[in-house]
PDB file of all heavy atoms in Angstrom:
ATOM      1  N   ARG A   1      66.546 -67.070 -67.440  1.00  0.00           N
ATOM      2  CA  ARG A   1      66.676 -65.690 -66.905  1.00  0.00           C
ATOM      3  C   ARG A   1      66.942 -65.853 -65.368  1.00  0.00           C
ATOM      4  O   ARG A   1      66.776 -66.941 -64.838  1.00  0.00           O
ATOM      5  CB  ARG A   1      65.515 -64.831 -67.020  1.00  0.00           C
ATOM      6  CG  ARG A   1      65.238 -64.356 -68.517  1.00  0.00           C
ATOM      7  CD  ARG A   1      66.188 -63.366 -69.035  1.00  0.00           C
ATOM      8  NE  ARG A   1      65.909 -62.888 -70.315  1.00  0.00           N
ATOM      9  CZ  ARG A   1      66.319 -63.373 -71.467  1.00  0.00           C
ATOM     10  NH1 ARG A   1      67.136 -64.477 -71.425  1.00  0.00           N
ATOM     11  NH2 ARG A   1      65.996 -62.758 -72.512  1.00  0.00           N
ATOM     12  N   THR A   2      67.332 -64.835 -64.709  1.00  0.00           N
ATOM     13  CA  THR A   2      67.574 -64.798 -63.188  1.00  0.00           C
ATOM     14  C   THR A   2      66.199 -64.938 -62.504  1.00  0.00           C
ATOM     15  O   THR A   2      65.374 -64.040 -62.567  1.00  0.00           O
ATOM     16  CB  THR A   2      68.308 -63.646 -62.685  1.00  0.00           C
ATOM     17  OG1 THR A   2      69.561 -63.545 -63.438  1.00  0.00           O
ATOM     18  CG2 THR A   2      68.575 -63.746 -61.279  1.00  0.00           C
ATOM     19  N   PHE A   3      65.923 -66.049 -61.949  1.00  0.00           N
ATOM     20  CA  PHE A   3      64.616 -66.306 -61.354  1.00  0.00           C
ATOM     21  C   PHE A   3      64.298 -65.268 -60.276  1.00  0.00           C
ATOM     22  O   PHE A   3      63.056 -64.902 -60.083  1.00  0.00           O
ATOM     23  CB  PHE A   3      64.685 -67.784 -60.694  1.00  0.00           C
ATOM     24  CG  PHE A   3      63.309 -68.216 -60.123  1.00  0.00           C
ATOM     25  CD1 PHE A   3      62.225 -68.196 -60.884  1.00  0.00           C
ATOM     26  CD2 PHE A   3      63.244 -68.703 -58.855  1.00  0.00           C
ATOM     27  CE1 PHE A   3      60.902 -68.613 -60.433  1.00  0.00           C
ATOM     28  CE2 PHE A   3      62.015 -69.220 -58.326  1.00  0.00           C
ATOM     29  CZ  PHE A   3      60.815 -69.058 -59.169  1.00  0.00           C
ATOM     30  N   SER A   4      65.260 -64.761 -59.533  1.00  0.00           N
ATOM     31  CA  SER A   4      64.873 -63.905 -58.476  1.00  0.00           C
ATOM     32  C   SER A   4      64.607 -62.528 -58.964  1.00  0.00           C
ATOM     33  O   SER A   4      64.170 -61.622 -58.236  1.00  0.00           O
ATOM     34  CB  SER A   4      66.116 -63.723 -57.520  1.00  0.00           C
ATOM     35  OG  SER A   4      67.264 -63.299 -58.265  1.00  0.00           O
ATOM     36  N   ASN A   5      64.629 -62.299 -60.246  1.00  0.00           N
ATOM     37  CA  ASN A   5      64.194 -61.115 -60.906  1.00  0.00           C
ATOM     38  C   ASN A   5      62.657 -61.075 -61.160  1.00  0.00           C
ATOM     39  O   ASN A   5      62.169 -60.123 -61.777  1.00  0.00           O
ATOM     40  CB  ASN A   5      64.857 -60.787 -62.192  1.00  0.00           C
ATOM     41  CG  ASN A   5      66.301 -60.442 -61.949  1.00  0.00           C
ATOM     42  OD1 ASN A   5      66.703 -59.938 -60.858  1.00  0.00           O
ATOM     43  ND2 ASN A   5      67.070 -60.353 -62.969  1.00  0.00           N
ATOM     44  N   TYR A   6      61.916 -62.135 -60.723  1.00  0.00           N
ATOM     45  CA  TYR A   6      60.512 -62.309 -61.057  1.00  0.00           C
ATOM     46  C   TYR A   6      59.734 -62.651 -59.820  1.00  0.00           C
ATOM     47  O   TYR A   6      60.058 -63.398 -58.963  1.00  0.00           O
ATOM     48  CB  TYR A   6      60.340 -63.458 -61.984  1.00  0.00           C
ATOM     49  CG  TYR A   6      60.917 -63.279 -63.452  1.00  0.00           C
ATOM     50  CD1 TYR A   6      62.326 -63.393 -63.613  1.00  0.00           C
ATOM     51  CD2 TYR A   6      60.161 -62.850 -64.484  1.00  0.00           C
ATOM     52  CE1 TYR A   6      62.843 -63.201 -64.930  1.00  0.00           C
ATOM     53  CE2 TYR A   6      60.600 -62.652 -65.717  1.00  0.00           C
ATOM     54  CZ  TYR A   6      62.025 -62.855 -65.936  1.00  0.00           C
ATOM     55  OH  TYR A   6      62.500 -62.581 -67.281  1.00  0.00           O
ATOM     56  N   ALA A   7      58.515 -61.987 -59.820  1.00  0.00           N
ATOM     57  CA  ALA A   7      57.495 -62.466 -58.918  1.00  0.00           C
ATOM     58  C   ALA A   7      57.000 -63.800 -59.462  1.00  0.00           C
ATOM     59  O   ALA A   7      56.997 -64.027 -60.735  1.00  0.00           O
ATOM     60  CB  ALA A   7      56.392 -61.440 -58.607  1.00  0.00           C
ATOM     61  N   MET A   8      56.323 -64.677 -58.731  1.00  0.00           N
ATOM     62  CA  MET A   8      55.846 -65.942 -59.275  1.00  0.00           C
ATOM     63  C   MET A   8      54.404 -66.113 -58.792  1.00  0.00           C
ATOM     64  O   MET A   8      54.087 -65.707 -57.703  1.00  0.00           O
ATOM     65  CB  MET A   8      56.672 -67.002 -58.784  1.00  0.00           C
ATOM     66  CG  MET A   8      56.472 -68.376 -59.492  1.00  0.00           C
ATOM     67  SD  MET A   8      57.255 -69.763 -58.810  1.00  0.00           S
ATOM     68  CE  MET A   8      56.211 -70.060 -57.434  1.00  0.00           C
ATOM     69  N   GLY A   9      53.710 -66.792 -59.651  1.00  0.00           N
ATOM     70  CA  GLY A   9      52.250 -67.120 -59.330  1.00  0.00           C
ATOM     71  C   GLY A   9      51.914 -68.490 -59.796  1.00  0.00           C
ATOM     72  O   GLY A   9      52.579 -69.121 -60.558  1.00  0.00           O
ATOM     73  N   TRP A  10      50.793 -68.978 -59.094  1.00  0.00           N
ATOM     74  CA  TRP A  10      50.229 -70.242 -59.516  1.00  0.00           C
ATOM     75  C   TRP A  10      48.821 -69.931 -60.017  1.00  0.00           C
ATOM     76  O   TRP A  10      48.063 -69.206 -59.204  1.00  0.00           O
ATOM     77  CB  TRP A  10      50.260 -71.334 -58.580  1.00  0.00           C
ATOM     78  CG  TRP A  10      51.621 -71.971 -58.242  1.00  0.00           C
ATOM     79  CD1 TRP A  10      52.496 -71.515 -57.354  1.00  0.00           C
ATOM     80  CD2 TRP A  10      52.139 -72.981 -58.906  1.00  0.00           C
ATOM     81  NE1 TRP A  10      53.665 -72.270 -57.498  1.00  0.00           N
ATOM     82  CE2 TRP A  10      53.440 -73.237 -58.372  1.00  0.00           C
ATOM     83  CE3 TRP A  10      51.703 -73.881 -59.960  1.00  0.00           C
ATOM     84  CZ2 TRP A  10      54.286 -74.289 -58.876  1.00  0.00           C
ATOM     85  CZ3 TRP A  10      52.559 -74.828 -60.349  1.00  0.00           C
ATOM     86  CH2 TRP A  10      53.821 -75.063 -59.778  1.00  0.00           C
ATOM     87  N   PHE A  11      48.327 -70.527 -61.023  1.00  0.00           N
ATOM     88  CA  PHE A  11      46.926 -70.406 -61.570  1.00  0.00           C
ATOM     89  C   PHE A  11      46.464 -71.851 -61.746  1.00  0.00           C
ATOM     90  O   PHE A  11      47.153 -72.727 -61.851  1.00  0.00           O
ATOM     91  CB  PHE A  11      46.863 -69.643 -62.823  1.00  0.00           C
ATOM     92  CG  PHE A  11      47.018 -68.156 -62.614  1.00  0.00           C
ATOM     93  CD1 PHE A  11      48.255 -67.580 -62.232  1.00  0.00           C
ATOM     94  CD2 PHE A  11      45.937 -67.314 -62.804  1.00  0.00           C
ATOM     95  CE1 PHE A  11      48.395 -66.266 -62.201  1.00  0.00           C
ATOM     96  CE2 PHE A  11      46.095 -65.927 -62.674  1.00  0.00           C
ATOM     97  CZ  PHE A  11      47.374 -65.446 -62.298  1.00  0.00           C
ATOM     98  N   ARG A  12      45.136 -71.969 -61.900  1.00  0.00           N
ATOM     99  CA  ARG A  12      44.545 -73.270 -62.271  1.00  0.00           C
ATOM    100  C   ARG A  12      43.345 -73.102 -63.276  1.00  0.00           C
ATOM    101  O   ARG A  12      42.710 -72.122 -63.216  1.00  0.00           O
ATOM    102  CB  ARG A  12      44.140 -74.050 -61.098  1.00  0.00           C
ATOM    103  CG  ARG A  12      43.059 -73.441 -60.190  1.00  0.00           C
ATOM    104  CD  ARG A  12      42.876 -74.206 -59.013  1.00  0.00           C
ATOM    105  NE  ARG A  12      41.694 -73.650 -58.143  1.00  0.00           N
ATOM    106  CZ  ARG A  12      41.451 -74.144 -56.912  1.00  0.00           C
ATOM    107  NH1 ARG A  12      42.170 -75.114 -56.363  1.00  0.00           N
ATOM    108  NH2 ARG A  12      40.459 -73.575 -56.312  1.00  0.00           N
ATOM    109  N   GLN A  13      43.167 -74.190 -64.015  1.00  0.00           N
ATOM    110  CA  GLN A  13      41.977 -74.092 -65.026  1.00  0.00           C
ATOM    111  C   GLN A  13      41.341 -75.427 -64.993  1.00  0.00           C
ATOM    112  O   GLN A  13      42.057 -76.465 -65.331  1.00  0.00           O
ATOM    113  CB  GLN A  13      42.572 -73.739 -66.353  1.00  0.00           C
ATOM    114  CG  GLN A  13      41.407 -73.456 -67.355  1.00  0.00           C
ATOM    115  CD  GLN A  13      41.898 -72.725 -68.620  1.00  0.00           C
ATOM    116  OE1 GLN A  13      43.253 -72.750 -68.822  1.00  0.00           O
ATOM    117  NE2 GLN A  13      41.015 -72.208 -69.383  1.00  0.00           N
ATOM    118  N   ALA A  14      40.112 -75.485 -64.601  1.00  0.00           N
ATOM    119  CA  ALA A  14      39.258 -76.623 -64.684  1.00  0.00           C
ATOM    120  C   ALA A  14      38.625 -76.778 -65.893  1.00  0.00           C
ATOM    121  O   ALA A  14      38.487 -75.674 -66.679  1.00  0.00           O
ATOM    122  CB  ALA A  14      38.260 -76.666 -63.475  1.00  0.00           C
ATOM    123  N   PRO A  15      38.191 -77.903 -66.385  1.00  0.00           N
ATOM    124  CA  PRO A  15      37.420 -78.040 -67.642  1.00  0.00           C
ATOM    125  C   PRO A  15      36.217 -77.104 -67.764  1.00  0.00           C
ATOM    126  O   PRO A  15      35.438 -77.041 -66.892  1.00  0.00           O
ATOM    127  CB  PRO A  15      36.981 -79.532 -67.818  1.00  0.00           C
ATOM    128  CG  PRO A  15      38.083 -80.241 -66.804  1.00  0.00           C
ATOM    129  CD  PRO A  15      38.398 -79.218 -65.807  1.00  0.00           C
ATOM    130  N   GLY A  16      36.195 -76.366 -68.870  1.00  0.00           N
ATOM    131  CA  GLY A  16      35.040 -75.482 -69.133  1.00  0.00           C
ATOM    132  C   GLY A  16      35.127 -74.220 -68.284  1.00  0.00           C
ATOM    133  O   GLY A  16      34.056 -73.458 -68.414  1.00  0.00           O
ATOM    134  N   LYS A  17      36.174 -74.034 -67.572  1.00  0.00           N
ATOM    135  CA  LYS A  17      36.150 -72.754 -66.767  1.00  0.00           C
ATOM    136  C   LYS A  17      37.397 -71.910 -67.157  1.00  0.00           C
ATOM    137  O   LYS A  17      38.383 -72.338 -67.849  1.00  0.00           O
ATOM    138  CB  LYS A  17      36.344 -73.221 -65.280  1.00  0.00           C
ATOM    139  CG  LYS A  17      35.107 -73.836 -64.776  1.00  0.00           C
ATOM    140  CD  LYS A  17      35.126 -73.965 -63.265  1.00  0.00           C
ATOM    141  CE  LYS A  17      33.886 -74.638 -62.728  1.00  0.00           C
ATOM    142  NZ  LYS A  17      33.919 -74.768 -61.172  1.00  0.00           N
ATOM    143  N   GLU A  18      37.366 -70.667 -66.727  1.00  0.00           N
ATOM    144  CA  GLU A  18      38.472 -69.808 -67.024  1.00  0.00           C
ATOM    145  C   GLU A  18      39.670 -70.045 -66.051  1.00  0.00           C
ATOM    146  O   GLU A  18      39.429 -70.623 -65.035  1.00  0.00           O
ATOM    147  CB  GLU A  18      38.029 -68.342 -66.866  1.00  0.00           C
ATOM    148  CG  GLU A  18      37.064 -67.839 -67.976  1.00  0.00           C
ATOM    149  CD  GLU A  18      36.825 -66.330 -67.894  1.00  0.00           C
ATOM    150  OE1 GLU A  18      37.313 -65.717 -66.892  1.00  0.00           O
ATOM    151  OE2 GLU A  18      36.069 -65.820 -68.720  1.00  0.00           O
ATOM    152  N   ARG A  19      40.870 -69.700 -66.517  1.00  0.00           N
ATOM    153  CA  ARG A  19      42.034 -69.830 -65.747  1.00  0.00           C
ATOM    154  C   ARG A  19      41.847 -68.916 -64.484  1.00  0.00           C
ATOM    155  O   ARG A  19      41.588 -67.691 -64.736  1.00  0.00           O
ATOM    156  CB  ARG A  19      43.317 -69.540 -66.380  1.00  0.00           C
ATOM    157  CG  ARG A  19      44.509 -70.000 -65.749  1.00  0.00           C
ATOM    158  CD  ARG A  19      45.725 -69.871 -66.771  1.00  0.00           C
ATOM    159  NE  ARG A  19      45.688 -70.762 -67.928  1.00  0.00           N
ATOM    160  CZ  ARG A  19      46.582 -70.897 -68.766  1.00  0.00           C
ATOM    161  NH1 ARG A  19      47.716 -70.367 -68.627  1.00  0.00           N
ATOM    162  NH2 ARG A  19      46.375 -71.752 -69.796  1.00  0.00           N
ATOM    163  N   GLU A  20      42.104 -69.422 -63.280  1.00  0.00           N
ATOM    164  CA  GLU A  20      41.828 -68.637 -62.105  1.00  0.00           C
ATOM    165  C   GLU A  20      43.150 -68.573 -61.251  1.00  0.00           C
ATOM    166  O   GLU A  20      43.997 -69.477 -61.196  1.00  0.00           O
ATOM    167  CB  GLU A  20      40.734 -69.150 -61.288  1.00  0.00           C
ATOM    168  CG  GLU A  20      40.932 -70.427 -60.621  1.00  0.00           C
ATOM    169  CD  GLU A  20      39.873 -70.913 -59.679  1.00  0.00           C
ATOM    170  OE1 GLU A  20      38.927 -70.120 -59.410  1.00  0.00           O
ATOM    171  OE2 GLU A  20      39.964 -72.039 -59.086  1.00  0.00           O
ATOM    172  N   PHE A  21      43.292 -67.439 -60.568  1.00  0.00           N
ATOM    173  CA  PHE A  21      44.372 -67.221 -59.658  1.00  0.00           C
ATOM    174  C   PHE A  21      44.344 -68.122 -58.365  1.00  0.00           C
ATOM    175  O   PHE A  21      43.364 -68.272 -57.849  1.00  0.00           O
ATOM    176  CB  PHE A  21      44.410 -65.701 -59.233  1.00  0.00           C
ATOM    177  CG  PHE A  21      45.410 -65.383 -58.082  1.00  0.00           C
ATOM    178  CD1 PHE A  21      46.730 -65.246 -58.387  1.00  0.00           C
ATOM    179  CD2 PHE A  21      44.986 -65.335 -56.788  1.00  0.00           C
ATOM    180  CE1 PHE A  21      47.535 -64.922 -57.343  1.00  0.00           C
ATOM    181  CE2 PHE A  21      45.866 -64.968 -55.809  1.00  0.00           C
ATOM    182  CZ  PHE A  21      47.174 -64.891 -56.108  1.00  0.00           C
ATOM    183  N   VAL A  22      45.581 -68.581 -58.057  1.00  0.00           N
ATOM    184  CA  VAL A  22      45.635 -69.458 -56.881  1.00  0.00           C
ATOM    185  C   VAL A  22      46.387 -68.799 -55.778  1.00  0.00           C
ATOM    186  O   VAL A  22      46.068 -68.558 -54.633  1.00  0.00           O
ATOM    187  CB  VAL A  22      46.178 -70.879 -57.131  1.00  0.00           C
ATOM    188  CG1 VAL A  22      46.364 -71.721 -55.808  1.00  0.00           C
ATOM    189  CG2 VAL A  22      45.314 -71.563 -58.159  1.00  0.00           C
ATOM    190  N   ALA A  23      47.693 -68.416 -56.134  1.00  0.00           N
ATOM    191  CA  ALA A  23      48.674 -67.875 -55.238  1.00  0.00           C
ATOM    192  C   ALA A  23      49.736 -67.110 -55.881  1.00  0.00           C
ATOM    193  O   ALA A  23      49.961 -67.411 -57.040  1.00  0.00           O
ATOM    194  CB  ALA A  23      49.209 -68.980 -54.288  1.00  0.00           C
ATOM    195  N   ALA A  24      50.373 -66.163 -55.187  1.00  0.00           N
ATOM    196  CA  ALA A  24      51.476 -65.454 -55.696  1.00  0.00           C
ATOM    197  C   ALA A  24      52.501 -65.158 -54.567  1.00  0.00           C
ATOM    198  O   ALA A  24      52.215 -65.195 -53.449  1.00  0.00           O
ATOM    199  CB  ALA A  24      51.089 -64.160 -56.251  1.00  0.00           C
ATOM    200  N   ILE A  25      53.728 -65.048 -55.073  1.00  0.00           N
ATOM    201  CA  ILE A  25      54.844 -64.830 -54.017  1.00  0.00           C
ATOM    202  C   ILE A  25      55.793 -63.695 -54.722  1.00  0.00           C
ATOM    203  O   ILE A  25      56.132 -63.749 -55.831  1.00  0.00           O
ATOM    204  CB  ILE A  25      55.608 -66.115 -53.774  1.00  0.00           C
ATOM    205  CG1 ILE A  25      56.527 -65.929 -52.552  1.00  0.00           C
ATOM    206  CG2 ILE A  25      56.212 -66.705 -54.954  1.00  0.00           C
ATOM    207  CD1 ILE A  25      57.090 -67.253 -52.004  1.00  0.00           C
ATOM    208  N   GLY A  26      56.289 -62.869 -53.838  1.00  0.00           N
ATOM    209  CA  GLY A  26      57.237 -61.892 -54.253  1.00  0.00           C
ATOM    210  C   GLY A  26      58.583 -62.428 -54.569  1.00  0.00           C
ATOM    211  O   GLY A  26      58.909 -63.696 -54.249  1.00  0.00           O
ATOM    212  N   TRP A  27      59.416 -61.657 -55.143  1.00  0.00           N
ATOM    213  CA  TRP A  27      60.706 -62.183 -55.608  1.00  0.00           C
ATOM    214  C   TRP A  27      61.702 -62.573 -54.512  1.00  0.00           C
ATOM    215  O   TRP A  27      62.388 -63.496 -54.733  1.00  0.00           O
ATOM    216  CB  TRP A  27      61.386 -61.018 -56.481  1.00  0.00           C
ATOM    217  CG  TRP A  27      61.856 -59.817 -55.768  1.00  0.00           C
ATOM    218  CD1 TRP A  27      61.182 -58.719 -55.507  1.00  0.00           C
ATOM    219  CD2 TRP A  27      63.165 -59.581 -55.219  1.00  0.00           C
ATOM    220  NE1 TRP A  27      61.919 -57.860 -54.762  1.00  0.00           N
ATOM    221  CE2 TRP A  27      63.069 -58.329 -54.677  1.00  0.00           C
ATOM    222  CE3 TRP A  27      64.324 -60.358 -55.141  1.00  0.00           C
ATOM    223  CZ2 TRP A  27      64.247 -57.783 -53.885  1.00  0.00           C
ATOM    224  CZ3 TRP A  27      65.512 -59.830 -54.569  1.00  0.00           C
ATOM    225  CH2 TRP A  27      65.320 -58.504 -53.925  1.00  0.00           C
ATOM    226  N   ARG A  28      61.497 -62.094 -53.378  1.00  0.00           N
ATOM    227  CA  ARG A  28      62.318 -62.488 -52.205  1.00  0.00           C
ATOM    228  C   ARG A  28      61.707 -63.621 -51.438  1.00  0.00           C
ATOM    229  O   ARG A  28      62.394 -64.196 -50.575  1.00  0.00           O
ATOM    230  CB  ARG A  28      62.522 -61.309 -51.270  1.00  0.00           C
ATOM    231  CG  ARG A  28      63.506 -60.216 -51.830  1.00  0.00           C
ATOM    232  CD  ARG A  28      63.805 -59.143 -50.844  1.00  0.00           C
ATOM    233  NE  ARG A  28      62.650 -58.381 -50.413  1.00  0.00           N
ATOM    234  CZ  ARG A  28      62.645 -57.231 -49.743  1.00  0.00           C
ATOM    235  NH1 ARG A  28      63.874 -56.824 -49.301  1.00  0.00           N
ATOM    236  NH2 ARG A  28      61.590 -56.655 -49.351  1.00  0.00           N
ATOM    237  N   GLY A  29      60.477 -63.888 -51.738  1.00  0.00           N
ATOM    238  CA  GLY A  29      59.804 -65.056 -51.025  1.00  0.00           C
ATOM    239  C   GLY A  29      59.187 -64.733 -49.711  1.00  0.00           C
ATOM    240  O   GLY A  29      58.703 -65.540 -49.004  1.00  0.00           O
ATOM    241  N   ASP A  30      59.183 -63.463 -49.324  1.00  0.00           N
ATOM    242  CA  ASP A  30      58.798 -63.016 -47.959  1.00  0.00           C
ATOM    243  C   ASP A  30      57.300 -62.505 -47.963  1.00  0.00           C
ATOM    244  O   ASP A  30      56.739 -62.201 -46.922  1.00  0.00           O
ATOM    245  CB  ASP A  30      59.712 -61.895 -47.445  1.00  0.00           C
ATOM    246  CG  ASP A  30      59.798 -60.727 -48.351  1.00  0.00           C
ATOM    247  OD1 ASP A  30      59.420 -60.798 -49.487  1.00  0.00           O
ATOM    248  OD2 ASP A  30      60.417 -59.714 -47.898  1.00  0.00           O
ATOM    249  N   ILE A  31      56.682 -62.284 -49.188  1.00  0.00           N
ATOM    250  CA  ILE A  31      55.350 -61.823 -49.234  1.00  0.00           C
ATOM    251  C   ILE A  31      54.580 -62.851 -50.074  1.00  0.00           C
ATOM    252  O   ILE A  31      54.967 -63.158 -51.219  1.00  0.00           O
ATOM    253  CB  ILE A  31      55.258 -60.421 -49.749  1.00  0.00           C
ATOM    254  CG1 ILE A  31      56.071 -59.466 -48.960  1.00  0.00           C
ATOM    255  CG2 ILE A  31      53.842 -59.944 -49.946  1.00  0.00           C
ATOM    256  CD1 ILE A  31      56.210 -58.110 -49.529  1.00  0.00           C
ATOM    257  N   THR A  32      53.379 -63.241 -49.644  1.00  0.00           N
ATOM    258  CA  THR A  32      52.560 -64.184 -50.357  1.00  0.00           C
ATOM    259  C   THR A  32      51.136 -63.711 -50.328  1.00  0.00           C
ATOM    260  O   THR A  32      50.738 -62.858 -49.496  1.00  0.00           O
ATOM    261  CB  THR A  32      52.601 -65.645 -49.724  1.00  0.00           C
ATOM    262  OG1 THR A  32      52.231 -65.557 -48.375  1.00  0.00           O
ATOM    263  CG2 THR A  32      54.066 -66.142 -49.768  1.00  0.00           C
ATOM    264  N   HIS A  33      50.385 -64.226 -51.305  1.00  0.00           N
ATOM    265  CA  HIS A  33      48.980 -63.864 -51.357  1.00  0.00           C
ATOM    266  C   HIS A  33      48.236 -65.053 -51.957  1.00  0.00           C
ATOM    267  O   HIS A  33      48.719 -65.760 -52.804  1.00  0.00           O
ATOM    268  CB  HIS A  33      48.809 -62.608 -52.369  1.00  0.00           C
ATOM    269  CG  HIS A  33      47.454 -62.210 -52.641  1.00  0.00           C
ATOM    270  ND1 HIS A  33      46.587 -61.759 -51.557  1.00  0.00           N
ATOM    271  CD2 HIS A  33      46.702 -62.195 -53.725  1.00  0.00           C
ATOM    272  CE1 HIS A  33      45.422 -61.475 -52.067  1.00  0.00           C
ATOM    273  NE2 HIS A  33      45.440 -61.676 -53.383  1.00  0.00           N
ATOM    274  N   TYR A  34      47.020 -65.340 -51.493  1.00  0.00           N
ATOM    275  CA  TYR A  34      46.211 -66.432 -51.783  1.00  0.00           C
ATOM    276  C   TYR A  34      44.829 -66.207 -52.213  1.00  0.00           C
ATOM    277  O   TYR A  34      44.235 -65.143 -51.614  1.00  0.00           O
ATOM    278  CB  TYR A  34      46.241 -67.540 -50.713  1.00  0.00           C
ATOM    279  CG  TYR A  34      47.548 -68.004 -50.319  1.00  0.00           C
ATOM    280  CD1 TYR A  34      48.262 -67.412 -49.278  1.00  0.00           C
ATOM    281  CD2 TYR A  34      48.101 -69.201 -50.933  1.00  0.00           C
ATOM    282  CE1 TYR A  34      49.563 -67.848 -48.976  1.00  0.00           C
ATOM    283  CE2 TYR A  34      49.388 -69.693 -50.516  1.00  0.00           C
ATOM    284  CZ  TYR A  34      50.118 -68.973 -49.573  1.00  0.00           C
ATOM    285  OH  TYR A  34      51.314 -69.536 -49.161  1.00  0.00           O
TER     286      TYR A  34
END
């Protein structure tokens, strides 16, 4: 699909723990959140 049609995020999951949010970025790349 067209990648620029999506916001993107990174998550992580350590053993025995729930998946947790790390960072996100808007579709244009100009807005981020950590």
